[in-house]
């Protein structure tokens, strides 16, 4: 049956930034598809809550509290996952993000930090995972990019540049690692996670964003999780080097920060 191709039974997923939001949704989706999962983020209490939900699904889970801006911690996370769960099949590079900033207050250090947190972390985790992915017979890497990596909006210079870099890193890494390891990305639009708490709690802002989105609503974390299962499973086995846009159809930012002209 076609649905059998979406099964991840017997597989192991590794998800960074999995304490909440898209990372938590990714970990739960992988577990629902049959995978055991290793999860990492800075806040242990959030990881414990996600881990309990994974165990309720009958799957094994490894919890690694870590500051994932530290690349040694990123590599250690992968090593722990492989040691405790026996293999690695799917890597989800979710950790990332950068606060909005004006052009003149975006220092070179701020720009470099954005690149480090969104691109270098993905490179470090993927590089550490490659031997384990190969030992498992091949696997899949899924990077969480953003619609801001392809559209223009004031205040998003550092974030958008870093996510654009991650999208092209995806294409280049897919070429380097083919044919045994597939590398894809998801360009995420506005999804109702804790990052949008202010939006969700302000009806006027939320309605304005929804009106600027062709599908007329904001996304849900589980919708990104579903795409991760697709890209990580046999169902997506003929896809590599691609960026899947899950953004409600937007072609311009649906959130204006109201930054004035210089």
C-alpha atoms as a PDB file:
ATOM      1  CA  UNK A   1       0.000   0.000   0.000  1.00  0.00           C
ATOM      2  CA  UNK A   2       1.113   3.562  -0.657  1.00  0.00           C
ATOM      3  CA  UNK A   3       1.004   4.438   3.043  1.00  0.00           C
ATOM      4  CA  UNK A   4       3.604   1.765   3.789  1.00  0.00           C
ATOM      5  CA  UNK A   5       6.153   3.962   2.017  1.00  0.00           C
ATOM      6  CA  UNK A   6       5.718   6.615   4.704  1.00  0.00           C
ATOM      7  CA  UNK A   7       6.655   4.209   7.508  1.00  0.00           C
ATOM      8  CA  UNK A   8       9.842   4.838   9.493  1.00  0.00           C
ATOM      9  CA  UNK A   9       9.594   1.660  11.547  1.00  0.00           C
ATOM     10  CA  UNK A  10      13.024   0.513  12.673  1.00  0.00           C
ATOM     11  CA  UNK A  11      14.593   3.881  11.857  1.00  0.00           C
ATOM     12  CA  UNK A  12      16.146   6.532  14.088  1.00  0.00           C
ATOM     13  CA  UNK A  13      15.605  10.257  13.765  1.00  0.00           C
ATOM     14  CA  UNK A  14      17.791  13.022  15.203  1.00  0.00           C
ATOM     15  CA  UNK A  15      16.139  16.414  15.697  1.00  0.00           C
ATOM     16  CA  UNK A  16      17.846  19.606  16.866  1.00  0.00           C
ATOM     17  CA  UNK A  17      15.903  22.372  18.569  1.00  0.00           C
ATOM     18  CA  UNK A  18      13.200  19.859  19.493  1.00  0.00           C
ATOM     19  CA  UNK A  19      11.935  21.300  22.759  1.00  0.00           C
ATOM     20  CA  UNK A  20       8.994  23.129  21.209  1.00  0.00           C
ATOM     21  CA  UNK A  21       7.448  24.380  17.985  1.00  0.00           C
ATOM     22  CA  UNK A  22       8.501  22.857  14.680  1.00  0.00           C
ATOM     23  CA  UNK A  23      11.270  20.793  16.281  1.00  0.00           C
ATOM     24  CA  UNK A  24       8.871  19.159  18.720  1.00  0.00           C
ATOM     25  CA  UNK A  25       6.357  18.569  15.920  1.00  0.00           C
ATOM     26  CA  UNK A  26       9.108  16.976  13.817  1.00  0.00           C
ATOM     27  CA  UNK A  27      10.147  14.624  16.609  1.00  0.00           C
ATOM     28  CA  UNK A  28       6.555  13.578  17.290  1.00  0.00           C
ATOM     29  CA  UNK A  29       5.832  13.062  13.601  1.00  0.00           C
ATOM     30  CA  UNK A  30       8.869  10.815  13.208  1.00  0.00           C
ATOM     31  CA  UNK A  31       7.792   8.832  16.258  1.00  0.00           C
ATOM     32  CA  UNK A  32       4.224   8.481  14.975  1.00  0.00           C
ATOM     33  CA  UNK A  33       5.702   7.134  11.729  1.00  0.00           C
ATOM     34  CA  UNK A  34       7.540   4.467  13.732  1.00  0.00           C
ATOM     35  CA  UNK A  35      10.992   5.938  14.391  1.00  0.00           C
ATOM     36  CA  UNK A  36      12.909   6.141  17.635  1.00  0.00           C
ATOM     37  CA  UNK A  37      14.087   9.710  18.175  1.00  0.00           C
ATOM     38  CA  UNK A  38      16.936  11.672  19.736  1.00  0.00           C
ATOM     39  CA  UNK A  39      16.056  15.236  20.667  1.00  0.00           C
ATOM     40  CA  UNK A  40      18.166  18.185  21.784  1.00  0.00           C
ATOM     41  CA  UNK A  41      17.666  21.793  22.811  1.00  0.00           C
ATOM     42  CA  UNK A  42      18.790  24.156  25.543  1.00  0.00           C
ATOM     43  CA  UNK A  43      15.771  23.735  27.861  1.00  0.00           C
ATOM     44  CA  UNK A  44      15.617  20.304  29.482  1.00  0.00           C
ATOM     45  CA  UNK A  45      12.098  20.706  30.875  1.00  0.00           C
ATOM     46  CA  UNK A  46      10.703  21.202  27.374  1.00  0.00           C
ATOM     47  CA  UNK A  47      12.580  18.165  26.089  1.00  0.00           C
ATOM     48  CA  UNK A  48      11.198  16.034  28.918  1.00  0.00           C
ATOM     49  CA  UNK A  49       7.628  16.956  27.937  1.00  0.00           C
ATOM     50  CA  UNK A  50       8.279  16.021  24.300  1.00  0.00           C
ATOM     51  CA  UNK A  51      10.029  12.816  25.360  1.00  0.00           C
ATOM     52  CA  UNK A  52       7.029  11.757  27.457  1.00  0.00           C
ATOM     53  CA  UNK A  53       4.774  12.156  24.421  1.00  0.00           C
ATOM     54  CA  UNK A  54       7.172  10.107  22.291  1.00  0.00           C
ATOM     55  CA  UNK A  55       7.212   7.315  24.876  1.00  0.00           C
ATOM     56  CA  UNK A  56       3.413   7.372  24.942  1.00  0.00           C
ATOM     57  CA  UNK A  57       3.624   6.478  21.236  1.00  0.00           C
ATOM     58  CA  UNK A  58       5.659   3.388  22.159  1.00  0.00           C
ATOM     59  CA  UNK A  59       8.952   4.702  20.785  1.00  0.00           C
ATOM     60  CA  UNK A  60      12.365   5.046  22.390  1.00  0.00           C
ATOM     61  CA  UNK A  61      13.733   8.536  22.925  1.00  0.00           C
ATOM     62  CA  UNK A  62      17.079  10.029  23.924  1.00  0.00           C
ATOM     63  CA  UNK A  63      17.087  13.468  25.528  1.00  0.00           C
ATOM     64  CA  UNK A  64      20.201  15.637  25.187  1.00  0.00           C
ATOM     65  CA  UNK A  65      20.020  19.077  26.819  1.00  0.00           C
ATOM     66  CA  UNK A  66      22.643  21.200  25.081  1.00  0.00           C
ATOM     67  CA  UNK A  67      23.492  24.662  23.845  1.00  0.00           C
ATOM     68  CA  UNK A  68      23.449  23.910  20.134  1.00  0.00           C
ATOM     69  CA  UNK A  69      25.243  27.114  19.235  1.00  0.00           C
ATOM     70  CA  UNK A  70      28.288  25.195  20.516  1.00  0.00           C
ATOM     71  CA  UNK A  71      29.359  23.040  17.560  1.00  0.00           C
ATOM     72  CA  UNK A  72      31.109  20.531  19.813  1.00  0.00           C
ATOM     73  CA  UNK A  73      27.792  20.045  21.610  1.00  0.00           C
ATOM     74  CA  UNK A  74      26.101  19.518  18.239  1.00  0.00           C
ATOM     75  CA  UNK A  75      28.593  16.799  17.334  1.00  0.00           C
ATOM     76  CA  UNK A  76      28.256  15.231  20.776  1.00  0.00           C
ATOM     77  CA  UNK A  77      24.483  15.119  20.359  1.00  0.00           C
ATOM     78  CA  UNK A  78      24.833  13.049  17.197  1.00  0.00           C
ATOM     79  CA  UNK A  79      27.351  10.699  18.816  1.00  0.00           C
ATOM     80  CA  UNK A  80      25.027  10.145  21.790  1.00  0.00           C
ATOM     81  CA  UNK A  81      22.069   9.468  19.514  1.00  0.00           C
ATOM     82  CA  UNK A  82      23.981   6.868  17.506  1.00  0.00           C
ATOM     83  CA  UNK A  83      25.408   5.193  20.599  1.00  0.00           C
ATOM     84  CA  UNK A  84      22.149   4.931  22.529  1.00  0.00           C
ATOM     85  CA  UNK A  85      19.755   4.201  19.665  1.00  0.00           C
ATOM     86  CA  UNK A  86      22.131   2.132  17.537  1.00  0.00           C
ATOM     87  CA  UNK A  87      21.884   3.996  14.232  1.00  0.00           C
ATOM     88  CA  UNK A  88      20.928   7.249  12.506  1.00  0.00           C
ATOM     89  CA  UNK A  89      18.598   7.409   9.496  1.00  0.00           C
ATOM     90  CA  UNK A  90      17.001  10.869   9.462  1.00  0.00           C
ATOM     91  CA  UNK A  91      18.547  14.160  10.555  1.00  0.00           C
ATOM     92  CA  UNK A  92      16.376  17.235  11.042  1.00  0.00           C
ATOM     93  CA  UNK A  93      18.350  20.470  11.289  1.00  0.00           C
ATOM     94  CA  UNK A  94      15.741  22.616  12.975  1.00  0.00           C
ATOM     95  CA  UNK A  95      17.738  24.706  15.413  1.00  0.00           C
ATOM     96  CA  UNK A  96      18.128  28.273  14.205  1.00  0.00           C
ATOM     97  CA  UNK A  97      16.475  31.651  14.109  1.00  0.00           C
ATOM     98  CA  UNK A  98      17.521  35.292  14.340  1.00  0.00           C
ATOM     99  CA  UNK A  99      15.739  38.310  15.764  1.00  0.00           C
ATOM    100  CA  UNK A 100      14.671  41.058  13.336  1.00  0.00           C
ATOM    101  CA  UNK A 101      16.970  44.046  13.162  1.00  0.00           C
ATOM    102  CA  UNK A 102      17.350  47.245  11.178  1.00  0.00           C
ATOM    103  CA  UNK A 103      20.037  47.510   8.515  1.00  0.00           C
ATOM    104  CA  UNK A 104      22.168  50.025  10.397  1.00  0.00           C
ATOM    105  CA  UNK A 105      21.991  48.085  13.655  1.00  0.00           C
ATOM    106  CA  UNK A 106      22.848  44.778  11.968  1.00  0.00           C
ATOM    107  CA  UNK A 107      26.528  44.560  12.837  1.00  0.00           C
ATOM    108  CA  UNK A 108      28.869  42.173  11.092  1.00  0.00           C
ATOM    109  CA  UNK A 109      28.990  40.188  14.336  1.00  0.00           C
ATOM    110  CA  UNK A 110      25.191  39.918  14.315  1.00  0.00           C
ATOM    111  CA  UNK A 111      25.262  38.760  10.695  1.00  0.00           C
ATOM    112  CA  UNK A 112      27.941  36.171  11.443  1.00  0.00           C
ATOM    113  CA  UNK A 113      26.020  34.909  14.464  1.00  0.00           C
ATOM    114  CA  UNK A 114      22.953  34.422  12.273  1.00  0.00           C
ATOM    115  CA  UNK A 115      24.993  32.401   9.785  1.00  0.00           C
ATOM    116  CA  UNK A 116      26.578  30.365  12.578  1.00  0.00           C
ATOM    117  CA  UNK A 117      23.294  29.490  14.280  1.00  0.00           C
ATOM    118  CA  UNK A 118      21.377  28.685  11.091  1.00  0.00           C
ATOM    119  CA  UNK A 119      24.029  27.218   8.783  1.00  0.00           C
ATOM    120  CA  UNK A 120      27.110  26.136  10.737  1.00  0.00           C
ATOM    121  CA  UNK A 121      25.007  24.131  13.186  1.00  0.00           C
ATOM    122  CA  UNK A 122      23.348  22.275  10.299  1.00  0.00           C
ATOM    123  CA  UNK A 123      26.714  21.588   8.713  1.00  0.00           C
ATOM    124  CA  UNK A 124      28.194  20.301  11.969  1.00  0.00           C
ATOM    125  CA  UNK A 125      25.281  17.969  12.767  1.00  0.00           C
ATOM    126  CA  UNK A 126      25.102  16.629   9.217  1.00  0.00           C
ATOM    127  CA  UNK A 127      28.839  16.099   8.996  1.00  0.00           C
ATOM    128  CA  UNK A 128      28.806  14.220  12.302  1.00  0.00           C
ATOM    129  CA  UNK A 129      25.866  12.116  11.109  1.00  0.00           C
ATOM    130  CA  UNK A 130      27.294  11.092   7.725  1.00  0.00           C
ATOM    131  CA  UNK A 131      29.254   8.015   8.945  1.00  0.00           C
ATOM    132  CA  UNK A 132      26.185   6.782  10.826  1.00  0.00           C
ATOM    133  CA  UNK A 133      23.865   7.429   7.890  1.00  0.00           C
ATOM    134  CA  UNK A 134      26.179   5.484   5.598  1.00  0.00           C
ATOM    135  CA  UNK A 135      26.440   2.647   8.109  1.00  0.00           C
ATOM    136  CA  UNK A 136      22.636   2.420   8.118  1.00  0.00           C
ATOM    137  CA  UNK A 137      22.593   2.069   4.338  1.00  0.00           C
ATOM    138  CA  UNK A 138      21.922   5.710   3.560  1.00  0.00           C
ATOM    139  CA  UNK A 139      19.494   8.243   4.921  1.00  0.00           C
ATOM    140  CA  UNK A 140      17.940  11.668   4.736  1.00  0.00           C
ATOM    141  CA  UNK A 141      18.799  15.137   5.988  1.00  0.00           C
ATOM    142  CA  UNK A 142      16.047  17.754   6.251  1.00  0.00           C
ATOM    143  CA  UNK A 143      16.891  21.407   6.899  1.00  0.00           C
ATOM    144  CA  UNK A 144      14.378  23.933   8.187  1.00  0.00           C
ATOM    145  CA  UNK A 145      14.782  27.054   6.086  1.00  0.00           C
ATOM    146  CA  UNK A 146      12.296  29.908   5.702  1.00  0.00           C
ATOM    147  CA  UNK A 147      10.245  31.795   3.170  1.00  0.00           C
ATOM    148  CA  UNK A 148      12.403  34.777   4.173  1.00  0.00           C
ATOM    149  CA  UNK A 149      15.269  33.052   2.397  1.00  0.00           C
ATOM    150  CA  UNK A 150      13.606  33.874  -0.946  1.00  0.00           C
ATOM    151  CA  UNK A 151      11.454  36.992  -0.398  1.00  0.00           C
ATOM    152  CA  UNK A 152      12.416  40.504   0.718  1.00  0.00           C
ATOM    153  CA  UNK A 153      11.199  42.305   3.812  1.00  0.00           C
ATOM    154  CA  UNK A 154      12.596  45.048   5.992  1.00  0.00           C
ATOM    155  CA  UNK A 155      14.221  43.921   9.215  1.00  0.00           C
ATOM    156  CA  UNK A 156      15.023  40.391   8.070  1.00  0.00           C
ATOM    157  CA  UNK A 157      18.440  40.942   6.464  1.00  0.00           C
ATOM    158  CA  UNK A 158      20.441  38.683   8.791  1.00  0.00           C
ATOM    159  CA  UNK A 159      17.744  36.010   9.159  1.00  0.00           C
ATOM    160  CA  UNK A 160      16.830  35.951   5.466  1.00  0.00           C
ATOM    161  CA  UNK A 161      20.456  35.848   4.348  1.00  0.00           C
ATOM    162  CA  UNK A 162      21.205  32.951   6.690  1.00  0.00           C
ATOM    163  CA  UNK A 163      18.132  30.985   5.599  1.00  0.00           C
ATOM    164  CA  UNK A 164      18.950  31.621   1.931  1.00  0.00           C
ATOM    165  CA  UNK A 165      22.425  30.276   2.619  1.00  0.00           C
ATOM    166  CA  UNK A 166      20.933  27.200   4.279  1.00  0.00           C
ATOM    167  CA  UNK A 167      18.717  26.599   1.243  1.00  0.00           C
ATOM    168  CA  UNK A 168      21.692  26.690  -1.126  1.00  0.00           C
ATOM    169  CA  UNK A 169      23.807  24.667   1.310  1.00  0.00           C
ATOM    170  CA  UNK A 170      21.057  22.065   0.923  1.00  0.00           C
ATOM    171  CA  UNK A 171      21.538  21.924  -2.846  1.00  0.00           C
ATOM    172  CA  UNK A 172      25.319  21.738  -2.619  1.00  0.00           C
ATOM    173  CA  UNK A 173      25.352  19.153   0.175  1.00  0.00           C
ATOM    174  CA  UNK A 174      22.864  17.025  -1.763  1.00  0.00           C
ATOM    175  CA  UNK A 175      25.313  16.928  -4.662  1.00  0.00           C
ATOM    176  CA  UNK A 176      28.248  16.068  -2.415  1.00  0.00           C
ATOM    177  CA  UNK A 177      26.415  13.322  -0.528  1.00  0.00           C
ATOM    178  CA  UNK A 178      24.462  11.689  -3.348  1.00  0.00           C
ATOM    179  CA  UNK A 179      23.442   9.014  -4.077  1.00  0.00           C
ATOM    180  CA  UNK A 180      23.356   7.410  -0.621  1.00  0.00           C
ATOM    181  CA  UNK A 181      22.326  10.401   1.465  1.00  0.00           C
ATOM    182  CA  UNK A 182      19.507  12.687   0.388  1.00  0.00           C
ATOM    183  CA  UNK A 183      19.476  16.324   1.530  1.00  0.00           C
ATOM    184  CA  UNK A 184      16.385  18.516   1.279  1.00  0.00           C
ATOM    185  CA  UNK A 185      14.959  21.569   2.989  1.00  0.00           C
ATOM    186  CA  UNK A 186      11.609  23.046   3.911  1.00  0.00           C
ATOM    187  CA  UNK A 187      11.068  26.765   3.440  1.00  0.00           C
ATOM    188  CA  UNK A 188       8.601  27.434   6.221  1.00  0.00           C
ATOM    189  CA  UNK A 189       6.116  30.294   6.204  1.00  0.00           C
ATOM    190  CA  UNK A 190       4.292  31.717   9.223  1.00  0.00           C
ATOM    191  CA  UNK A 191       3.590  28.782  11.528  1.00  0.00           C
ATOM    192  CA  UNK A 192       1.782  29.057  14.858  1.00  0.00           C
ATOM    193  CA  UNK A 193       4.607  28.299  17.258  1.00  0.00           C
ATOM    194  CA  UNK A 194       5.776  30.125  20.380  1.00  0.00           C
ATOM    195  CA  UNK A 195       7.746  32.463  18.100  1.00  0.00           C
ATOM    196  CA  UNK A 196       4.399  33.866  16.956  1.00  0.00           C
ATOM    197  CA  UNK A 197       2.770  34.057  20.388  1.00  0.00           C
ATOM    198  CA  UNK A 198       2.493  37.848  20.123  1.00  0.00           C
ATOM    199  CA  UNK A 199       0.797  37.485  16.742  1.00  0.00           C
ATOM    200  CA  UNK A 200      -1.578  34.760  17.875  1.00  0.00           C
ATOM    201  CA  UNK A 201      -2.647  36.785  20.904  1.00  0.00           C
ATOM    202  CA  UNK A 202      -3.311  39.944  18.866  1.00  0.00           C
ATOM    203  CA  UNK A 203      -6.384  39.435  16.667  1.00  0.00           C
ATOM    204  CA  UNK A 204      -5.695  42.531  14.559  1.00  0.00           C
ATOM    205  CA  UNK A 205      -2.150  41.464  13.637  1.00  0.00           C
ATOM    206  CA  UNK A 206      -3.177  37.842  13.124  1.00  0.00           C
ATOM    207  CA  UNK A 207      -6.065  38.776  10.830  1.00  0.00           C
ATOM    208  CA  UNK A 208      -3.779  41.033   8.802  1.00  0.00           C
ATOM    209  CA  UNK A 209      -1.263  38.215   8.350  1.00  0.00           C
ATOM    210  CA  UNK A 210      -4.001  35.765   7.405  1.00  0.00           C
ATOM    211  CA  UNK A 211      -5.385  38.220   4.862  1.00  0.00           C
ATOM    212  CA  UNK A 212      -1.914  38.510   3.292  1.00  0.00           C
ATOM    213  CA  UNK A 213      -1.652  34.710   2.985  1.00  0.00           C
ATOM    214  CA  UNK A 214      -3.338  33.171  -0.098  1.00  0.00           C
ATOM    215  CA  UNK A 215      -4.654  30.221   1.930  1.00  0.00           C
ATOM    216  CA  UNK A 216      -6.142  32.649   4.426  1.00  0.00           C
ATOM    217  CA  UNK A 217      -4.586  31.196   7.569  1.00  0.00           C
ATOM    218  CA  UNK A 218      -1.316  30.572   9.360  1.00  0.00           C
ATOM    219  CA  UNK A 219       0.364  27.175   9.345  1.00  0.00           C
ATOM    220  CA  UNK A 220       0.344  24.502  12.044  1.00  0.00           C
ATOM    221  CA  UNK A 221       3.512  22.745  13.291  1.00  0.00           C
ATOM    222  CA  UNK A 222       2.124  19.296  12.435  1.00  0.00           C
ATOM    223  CA  UNK A 223       1.980  20.304   8.767  1.00  0.00           C
ATOM    224  CA  UNK A 224       5.760  20.738   8.783  1.00  0.00           C
ATOM    225  CA  UNK A 225       6.083  17.448  10.658  1.00  0.00           C
ATOM    226  CA  UNK A 226       4.101  15.683   7.931  1.00  0.00           C
ATOM    227  CA  UNK A 227       6.488  17.012   5.279  1.00  0.00           C
ATOM    228  CA  UNK A 228       9.459  15.825   7.323  1.00  0.00           C
ATOM    229  CA  UNK A 229       8.040  12.302   7.398  1.00  0.00           C
ATOM    230  CA  UNK A 230       7.559  12.459   3.635  1.00  0.00           C
ATOM    231  CA  UNK A 231      11.095  13.654   2.936  1.00  0.00           C
ATOM    232  CA  UNK A 232      12.628  11.269   5.455  1.00  0.00           C
ATOM    233  CA  UNK A 233      10.822   8.136   4.341  1.00  0.00           C
ATOM    234  CA  UNK A 234      10.805   5.907   1.283  1.00  0.00           C
ATOM    235  CA  UNK A 235       7.933   8.029  -0.039  1.00  0.00           C
ATOM    236  CA  UNK A 236      10.435  10.815  -0.720  1.00  0.00           C
ATOM    237  CA  UNK A 237      13.251   8.588  -1.927  1.00  0.00           C
ATOM    238  CA  UNK A 238      13.504  10.243  -5.370  1.00  0.00           C
ATOM    239  CA  UNK A 239      13.918  13.752  -3.981  1.00  0.00           C
ATOM    240  CA  UNK A 240      17.231  15.412  -3.160  1.00  0.00           C
ATOM    241  CA  UNK A 241      18.642  18.917  -3.343  1.00  0.00           C
ATOM    242  CA  UNK A 242      15.185  20.486  -3.248  1.00  0.00           C
ATOM    243  CA  UNK A 243      13.528  23.150  -1.093  1.00  0.00           C
ATOM    244  CA  UNK A 244       9.875  22.356  -0.381  1.00  0.00           C
ATOM    245  CA  UNK A 245       7.894  25.560   0.163  1.00  0.00           C
ATOM    246  CA  UNK A 246       5.248  25.207   2.883  1.00  0.00           C
ATOM    247  CA  UNK A 247       4.126  28.778   3.323  1.00  0.00           C
ATOM    248  CA  UNK A 248       0.439  29.097   2.508  1.00  0.00           C
ATOM    249  CA  UNK A 249       1.276  30.433  -0.938  1.00  0.00           C
ATOM    250  CA  UNK A 250       2.839  33.741   0.095  1.00  0.00           C
ATOM    251  CA  UNK A 251       5.164  35.564  -2.290  1.00  0.00           C
ATOM    252  CA  UNK A 252       5.907  38.504   0.009  1.00  0.00           C
ATOM    253  CA  UNK A 253       6.219  38.800   3.799  1.00  0.00           C
ATOM    254  CA  UNK A 254       2.846  38.661   5.513  1.00  0.00           C
ATOM    255  CA  UNK A 255       4.205  40.461   8.560  1.00  0.00           C
ATOM    256  CA  UNK A 256       5.400  44.046   8.172  1.00  0.00           C
ATOM    257  CA  UNK A 257       7.569  45.350  11.000  1.00  0.00           C
ATOM    258  CA  UNK A 258       6.799  48.968  10.184  1.00  0.00           C
ATOM    259  CA  UNK A 259      10.415  50.082   9.916  1.00  0.00           C
ATOM    260  CA  UNK A 260      10.624  53.630   8.513  1.00  0.00           C
ATOM    261  CA  UNK A 261      12.705  54.868   5.583  1.00  0.00           C
ATOM    262  CA  UNK A 262      16.183  56.071   6.454  1.00  0.00           C
END
